[in-house]
Amino acid sequence: QVQLVESGGGLVQAGGSLRLSCAASGRTFNRYAMGWFRQAPGKEREFVQCITWNGGRTGSADSVKGRFTSSRDNAKNTVYLQMNNLKPEDTAVYYCAAVAYSGSFCDTLSRQYNYWGQGTQVTVSS
C-alpha cells in the first residue's frame, strides 16, 4: 500500500511558478513510477507528467512541455512537479499517482495507476 499526499497548490498570477510536492508513505517508493494528472471543472482528468522509478525518464503532455518538470527524491519519498510560466488554462486540481513498476518508461494513462492522492488546487489568474 502506498499513501500519497500532495501539497504546494495555490493561487498564482499568469506567468508565475509553483512547485507541487507529493509525499509517499512506505519503504518501497523507489519501486514506483509516478504520474501527475489534473482535472479542471467540467473536464475529464488528463495526464500532465510522469517519471520513472529512478527519475531517469519522464513523460510530458504537449500542453505543458517546456514549462513543467517532474523530479523525485527517493530518499525523501517525494516527487515534485515544478510548474513555470503558468497559464489560466493550467487551473485545475492536480493529483499525483503511483504504480508499482520499475521499468524504463512511465505510463500516461490514468487507469494504469493504482494509488492516488487527494489532490491540490492550482488556480492561475489572468
Foldseek 3Di string as FASTA:
>chain_A
DKAKAKDWADEEAAQAKIKMKIAIDDDVQLQKKKFKWWDDPPGDIFGAKIAASQRPDMDGDPVQPPFWDKGDDSVRRMIMIIGGRDDQVVWTWMKMFIARHHDDYDDGDPVRTDYIYPTDTHGYHD
